[in-house]
PDB file of all heavy atoms in Angstrom:
ATOM      1  N   HIS A   1      18.514   5.824  12.755  1.00  0.00           N
ATOM      2  CA  HIS A   1      18.301   5.868  11.340  1.00  0.00           C
ATOM      3  C   HIS A   1      17.059   6.565  11.010  1.00  0.00           C
ATOM      4  O   HIS A   1      16.078   6.777  11.851  1.00  0.00           O
ATOM      5  CB  HIS A   1      18.231   4.468  10.736  1.00  0.00           C
ATOM      6  CG  HIS A   1      19.490   3.677  10.978  1.00  0.00           C
ATOM      7  ND1 HIS A   1      20.618   3.878  10.295  1.00  0.00           N
ATOM      8  CD2 HIS A   1      19.679   2.560  11.782  1.00  0.00           C
ATOM      9  CE1 HIS A   1      21.562   2.991  10.742  1.00  0.00           C
ATOM     10  NE2 HIS A   1      21.049   2.227  11.672  1.00  0.00           N
ATOM     11  N   LYS A   2      16.920   7.138   9.739  1.00  0.00           N
ATOM     12  CA  LYS A   2      15.702   7.756   9.332  1.00  0.00           C
ATOM     13  C   LYS A   2      14.616   6.775   9.077  1.00  0.00           C
ATOM     14  O   LYS A   2      14.862   5.654   8.495  1.00  0.00           O
ATOM     15  CB  LYS A   2      15.968   8.622   8.058  1.00  0.00           C
ATOM     16  CG  LYS A   2      16.902   9.736   8.196  1.00  0.00           C
ATOM     17  CD  LYS A   2      16.308  10.884   9.036  1.00  0.00           C
ATOM     18  CE  LYS A   2      17.272  11.992   9.169  1.00  0.00           C
ATOM     19  NZ  LYS A   2      16.805  12.982  10.093  1.00  0.00           N
ATOM     20  N   ALA A   3      13.418   7.094   9.446  1.00  0.00           N
ATOM     21  CA  ALA A   3      12.315   6.128   9.277  1.00  0.00           C
ATOM     22  C   ALA A   3      11.240   6.736   8.382  1.00  0.00           C
ATOM     23  O   ALA A   3      10.080   6.392   8.469  1.00  0.00           O
ATOM     24  CB  ALA A   3      11.650   5.768  10.595  1.00  0.00           C
ATOM     25  N   THR A   4      11.699   7.483   7.350  1.00  0.00           N
ATOM     26  CA  THR A   4      10.691   8.084   6.464  1.00  0.00           C
ATOM     27  C   THR A   4       9.874   7.168   5.708  1.00  0.00           C
ATOM     28  O   THR A   4       8.696   7.277   5.611  1.00  0.00           O
ATOM     29  CB  THR A   4      11.506   8.983   5.456  1.00  0.00           C
ATOM     30  OG1 THR A   4      12.308   9.905   6.253  1.00  0.00           O
ATOM     31  CG2 THR A   4      10.590   9.826   4.683  1.00  0.00           C
ATOM     32  N   ALA A   5      10.538   6.071   5.242  1.00  0.00           N
ATOM     33  CA  ALA A   5       9.758   5.012   4.495  1.00  0.00           C
ATOM     34  C   ALA A   5       8.762   4.288   5.371  1.00  0.00           C
ATOM     35  O   ALA A   5       7.646   4.125   4.923  1.00  0.00           O
ATOM     36  CB  ALA A   5      10.705   4.024   3.860  1.00  0.00           C
ATOM     37  N   SER A   6       9.130   4.026   6.574  1.00  0.00           N
ATOM     38  CA  SER A   6       8.195   3.255   7.528  1.00  0.00           C
ATOM     39  C   SER A   6       6.988   4.258   7.878  1.00  0.00           C
ATOM     40  O   SER A   6       5.851   3.774   8.002  1.00  0.00           O
ATOM     41  CB  SER A   6       8.826   2.821   8.790  1.00  0.00           C
ATOM     42  OG  SER A   6       9.852   1.810   8.424  1.00  0.00           O
ATOM     43  N   ILE A   7       7.251   5.454   8.101  1.00  0.00           N
ATOM     44  CA  ILE A   7       6.263   6.382   8.386  1.00  0.00           C
ATOM     45  C   ILE A   7       5.295   6.589   7.256  1.00  0.00           C
ATOM     46  O   ILE A   7       4.036   6.595   7.367  1.00  0.00           O
ATOM     47  CB  ILE A   7       6.805   7.837   8.820  1.00  0.00           C
ATOM     48  CG1 ILE A   7       7.590   7.693  10.129  1.00  0.00           C
ATOM     49  CG2 ILE A   7       5.731   8.864   8.937  1.00  0.00           C
ATOM     50  CD1 ILE A   7       8.448   8.843  10.498  1.00  0.00           C
ATOM     51  N   GLY A   8       5.815   6.654   6.047  1.00  0.00           N
ATOM     52  CA  GLY A   8       4.966   6.697   4.829  1.00  0.00           C
ATOM     53  C   GLY A   8       4.206   5.391   4.697  1.00  0.00           C
ATOM     54  O   GLY A   8       2.927   5.507   4.313  1.00  0.00           O
ATOM     55  N   ASP A   9       4.729   4.309   4.972  1.00  0.00           N
ATOM     56  CA  ASP A   9       3.931   3.004   4.926  1.00  0.00           C
ATOM     57  C   ASP A   9       2.799   3.034   5.910  1.00  0.00           C
ATOM     58  O   ASP A   9       1.708   2.562   5.632  1.00  0.00           O
ATOM     59  CB  ASP A   9       4.854   1.784   5.102  1.00  0.00           C
ATOM     60  CG  ASP A   9       5.836   1.604   4.064  1.00  0.00           C
ATOM     61  OD1 ASP A   9       5.636   2.098   2.923  1.00  0.00           O
ATOM     62  OD2 ASP A   9       6.846   0.881   4.237  1.00  0.00           O
ATOM     63  N   ALA A  10       2.976   3.518   7.145  1.00  0.00           N
ATOM     64  CA  ALA A  10       2.001   3.641   8.120  1.00  0.00           C
ATOM     65  C   ALA A  10       0.881   4.498   7.673  1.00  0.00           C
ATOM     66  O   ALA A  10      -0.301   4.238   7.885  1.00  0.00           O
ATOM     67  CB  ALA A  10       2.629   4.042   9.450  1.00  0.00           C
ATOM     68  N   GLU A  11       1.213   5.703   7.111  1.00  0.00           N
ATOM     69  CA  GLU A  11       0.209   6.559   6.730  1.00  0.00           C
ATOM     70  C   GLU A  11      -0.538   5.993   5.515  1.00  0.00           C
ATOM     71  O   GLU A  11      -1.890   6.118   5.574  1.00  0.00           O
ATOM     72  CB  GLU A  11       0.823   7.930   6.237  1.00  0.00           C
ATOM     73  CG  GLU A  11       1.402   8.708   7.375  1.00  0.00           C
ATOM     74  CD  GLU A  11       2.131   9.953   6.851  1.00  0.00           C
ATOM     75  OE1 GLU A  11       2.375  10.130   5.643  1.00  0.00           O
ATOM     76  OE2 GLU A  11       2.604  10.759   7.691  1.00  0.00           O
ATOM     77  N   SER A  12       0.028   5.310   4.623  1.00  0.00           N
ATOM     78  CA  SER A  12      -0.788   4.709   3.517  1.00  0.00           C
ATOM     79  C   SER A  12      -1.593   3.550   3.945  1.00  0.00           C
ATOM     80  O   SER A  12      -2.763   3.398   3.543  1.00  0.00           O
ATOM     81  CB  SER A  12       0.166   4.232   2.404  1.00  0.00           C
ATOM     82  OG  SER A  12       0.894   3.207   2.782  1.00  0.00           O
ATOM     83  N   SER A  13      -1.176   2.735   4.952  1.00  0.00           N
ATOM     84  CA  SER A  13      -2.016   1.663   5.471  1.00  0.00           C
ATOM     85  C   SER A  13      -3.171   2.220   6.232  1.00  0.00           C
ATOM     86  O   SER A  13      -4.308   1.644   6.150  1.00  0.00           O
ATOM     87  CB  SER A  13      -1.104   0.778   6.455  1.00  0.00           C
ATOM     88  OG  SER A  13      -0.106   0.109   5.684  1.00  0.00           O
ATOM     89  N   ALA A  14      -2.919   3.300   7.048  1.00  0.00           N
ATOM     90  CA  ALA A  14      -4.060   3.832   7.701  1.00  0.00           C
ATOM     91  C   ALA A  14      -5.072   4.441   6.839  1.00  0.00           C
ATOM     92  O   ALA A  14      -6.303   4.320   6.990  1.00  0.00           O
ATOM     93  CB  ALA A  14      -3.515   4.949   8.709  1.00  0.00           C
ATOM     94  N   GLY A  15      -4.557   5.074   5.726  1.00  0.00           N
ATOM     95  CA  GLY A  15      -5.525   5.650   4.754  1.00  0.00           C
ATOM     96  C   GLY A  15      -6.321   4.643   4.046  1.00  0.00           C
ATOM     97  O   GLY A  15      -7.498   4.712   3.772  1.00  0.00           O
ATOM     98  N   LYS A  16      -5.673   3.483   3.733  1.00  0.00           N
ATOM     99  CA  LYS A  16      -6.387   2.384   3.056  1.00  0.00           C
ATOM    100  C   LYS A  16      -7.406   1.848   3.971  1.00  0.00           C
ATOM    101  O   LYS A  16      -8.545   1.516   3.465  1.00  0.00           O
ATOM    102  CB  LYS A  16      -5.353   1.281   2.589  1.00  0.00           C
ATOM    103  CG  LYS A  16      -5.915   0.222   1.887  1.00  0.00           C
ATOM    104  CD  LYS A  16      -4.794  -0.805   1.491  1.00  0.00           C
ATOM    105  CE  LYS A  16      -5.470  -2.087   0.912  1.00  0.00           C
ATOM    106  NZ  LYS A  16      -4.539  -3.098   0.705  1.00  0.00           N
ATOM    107  N   ALA A  17      -7.155   1.568   5.180  1.00  0.00           N
ATOM    108  CA  ALA A  17      -8.119   1.002   6.168  1.00  0.00           C
ATOM    109  C   ALA A  17      -9.259   2.005   6.278  1.00  0.00           C
ATOM    110  O   ALA A  17     -10.443   1.522   6.389  1.00  0.00           O
ATOM    111  CB  ALA A  17      -7.388   0.759   7.490  1.00  0.00           C
ATOM    112  N   ALA A  18      -9.006   3.236   6.392  1.00  0.00           N
ATOM    113  CA  ALA A  18     -10.147   4.226   6.494  1.00  0.00           C
ATOM    114  C   ALA A  18     -10.981   4.187   5.305  1.00  0.00           C
ATOM    115  O   ALA A  18     -12.199   4.311   5.420  1.00  0.00           O
ATOM    116  CB  ALA A  18      -9.555   5.543   6.855  1.00  0.00           C
ATOM    117  N   SER A  19     -10.422   4.223   4.083  1.00  0.00           N
ATOM    118  CA  SER A  19     -11.161   4.280   2.889  1.00  0.00           C
ATOM    119  C   SER A  19     -11.936   2.938   2.679  1.00  0.00           C
ATOM    120  O   SER A  19     -13.151   3.073   2.172  1.00  0.00           O
ATOM    121  CB  SER A  19     -10.308   4.518   1.635  1.00  0.00           C
ATOM    122  OG  SER A  19      -9.485   3.438   1.477  1.00  0.00           O
ATOM    123  N   GLU A  20     -11.477   1.866   3.077  1.00  0.00           N
ATOM    124  CA  GLU A  20     -12.192   0.614   3.020  1.00  0.00           C
ATOM    125  C   GLU A  20     -13.377   0.519   3.921  1.00  0.00           C
ATOM    126  O   GLU A  20     -14.367   0.000   3.649  1.00  0.00           O
ATOM    127  CB  GLU A  20     -11.288  -0.602   3.215  1.00  0.00           C
ATOM    128  CG  GLU A  20     -10.366  -0.897   2.075  1.00  0.00           C
ATOM    129  CD  GLU A  20      -9.452  -2.044   2.301  1.00  0.00           C
ATOM    130  OE1 GLU A  20      -9.523  -2.684   3.416  1.00  0.00           O
ATOM    131  OE2 GLU A  20      -8.674  -2.376   1.402  1.00  0.00           O
ATOM    132  N   GLY A  21     -13.180   1.182   5.116  1.00  0.00           N
ATOM    133  CA  GLY A  21     -14.250   1.277   6.072  1.00  0.00           C
ATOM    134  C   GLY A  21     -15.369   2.179   5.611  1.00  0.00           C
ATOM    135  O   GLY A  21     -16.569   1.825   5.804  1.00  0.00           O
ATOM    136  N   LYS A  22     -14.995   3.246   5.034  1.00  0.00           N
ATOM    137  CA  LYS A  22     -16.039   4.202   4.532  1.00  0.00           C
ATOM    138  C   LYS A  22     -16.814   3.590   3.313  1.00  0.00           C
ATOM    139  O   LYS A  22     -17.899   3.948   3.115  1.00  0.00           O
ATOM    140  CB  LYS A  22     -15.384   5.496   4.162  1.00  0.00           C
ATOM    141  CG  LYS A  22     -14.906   6.339   5.311  1.00  0.00           C
ATOM    142  CD  LYS A  22     -14.233   7.640   4.905  1.00  0.00           C
ATOM    143  CE  LYS A  22     -13.670   8.375   6.094  1.00  0.00           C
ATOM    144  NZ  LYS A  22     -12.859   9.501   5.691  1.00  0.00           N
ATOM    145  N   ALA A  23     -16.175   2.841   2.586  1.00  0.00           N
ATOM    146  CA  ALA A  23     -16.738   2.208   1.324  1.00  0.00           C
ATOM    147  C   ALA A  23     -17.648   1.139   1.726  1.00  0.00           C
ATOM    148  O   ALA A  23     -18.412   0.571   0.807  1.00  0.00           O
ATOM    149  CB  ALA A  23     -15.623   1.760   0.324  1.00  0.00           C
ATOM    150  N   GLY A  24     -17.716   0.690   2.879  1.00  0.00           N
ATOM    151  CA  GLY A  24     -18.556  -0.434   3.369  1.00  0.00           C
ATOM    152  C   GLY A  24     -18.083  -1.782   2.932  1.00  0.00           C
ATOM    153  O   GLY A  24     -18.866  -2.735   2.810  1.00  0.00           O
ATOM    154  N   LYS A  25     -16.796  -1.907   2.600  1.00  0.00           N
ATOM    155  CA  LYS A  25     -16.224  -3.143   2.191  1.00  0.00           C
ATOM    156  C   LYS A  25     -16.266  -4.083   3.311  1.00  0.00           C
ATOM    157  O   LYS A  25     -15.771  -3.819   4.443  1.00  0.00           O
ATOM    158  CB  LYS A  25     -14.800  -2.939   1.678  1.00  0.00           C
ATOM    159  CG  LYS A  25     -14.156  -4.296   1.140  1.00  0.00           C
ATOM    160  CD  LYS A  25     -12.791  -4.035   0.621  1.00  0.00           C
ATOM    161  CE  LYS A  25     -12.162  -5.292   0.089  1.00  0.00           C
ATOM    162  NZ  LYS A  25     -10.875  -5.083  -0.404  1.00  0.00           N
ATOM    163  N   GLN A  26     -16.970  -5.232   3.083  1.00  0.00           N
ATOM    164  CA  GLN A  26     -17.083  -6.255   4.143  1.00  0.00           C
ATOM    165  C   GLN A  26     -15.774  -7.061   4.176  1.00  0.00           C
ATOM    166  O   GLN A  26     -15.317  -7.595   3.222  1.00  0.00           O
ATOM    167  CB  GLN A  26     -18.279  -7.074   3.829  1.00  0.00           C
ATOM    168  CG  GLN A  26     -19.580  -6.420   3.862  1.00  0.00           C
ATOM    169  CD  GLN A  26     -19.872  -5.885   5.289  1.00  0.00           C
ATOM    170  OE1 GLN A  26     -19.626  -6.594   6.275  1.00  0.00           O
ATOM    171  NE2 GLN A  26     -20.430  -4.745   5.399  1.00  0.00           N
ATOM    172  N   LYS A  27     -15.261  -7.266   5.437  1.00  0.00           N
ATOM    173  CA  LYS A  27     -14.133  -8.139   5.660  1.00  0.00           C
ATOM    174  C   LYS A  27     -14.534  -9.218   6.662  1.00  0.00           C
ATOM    175  O   LYS A  27     -15.099  -8.862   7.709  1.00  0.00           O
ATOM    176  CB  LYS A  27     -12.950  -7.408   6.151  1.00  0.00           C
ATOM    177  CG  LYS A  27     -12.249  -6.538   5.102  1.00  0.00           C
ATOM    178  CD  LYS A  27     -10.981  -6.041   5.551  1.00  0.00           C
ATOM    179  CE  LYS A  27     -10.244  -5.275   4.449  1.00  0.00           C
ATOM    180  NZ  LYS A  27      -8.917  -4.910   4.831  1.00  0.00           N
ATOM    181  N   GLY A  28     -14.155 -10.310   6.367  1.00  0.00           N
ATOM    182  CA  GLY A  28     -14.390 -11.452   7.347  1.00  0.00           C
ATOM    183  C   GLY A  28     -13.609 -12.638   6.940  1.00  0.00           C
ATOM    184  O   GLY A  28     -12.764 -12.622   5.975  1.00  0.00           O
ATOM    185  N   LEU A  29     -13.837 -13.739   7.593  1.00  0.00           N
ATOM    186  CA  LEU A  29     -13.090 -14.981   7.305  1.00  0.00           C
ATOM    187  C   LEU A  29     -13.415 -15.555   5.993  1.00  0.00           C
ATOM    188  O   LEU A  29     -12.577 -16.281   5.398  1.00  0.00           O
ATOM    189  CB  LEU A  29     -13.183 -15.953   8.449  1.00  0.00           C
ATOM    190  CG  LEU A  29     -12.664 -15.552   9.826  1.00  0.00           C
ATOM    191  CD1 LEU A  29     -12.946 -16.638  10.845  1.00  0.00           C
ATOM    192  CD2 LEU A  29     -11.224 -15.325   9.677  1.00  0.00           C
TER     193      LEU A  29
END
């Protein structure tokens, strides 16, 4: 099957994680 939606989800999740890391957003418990 085509996985275009899953590939797009992976790209957006990676971009979100990268932008949060650059913004200095603290994550913890």
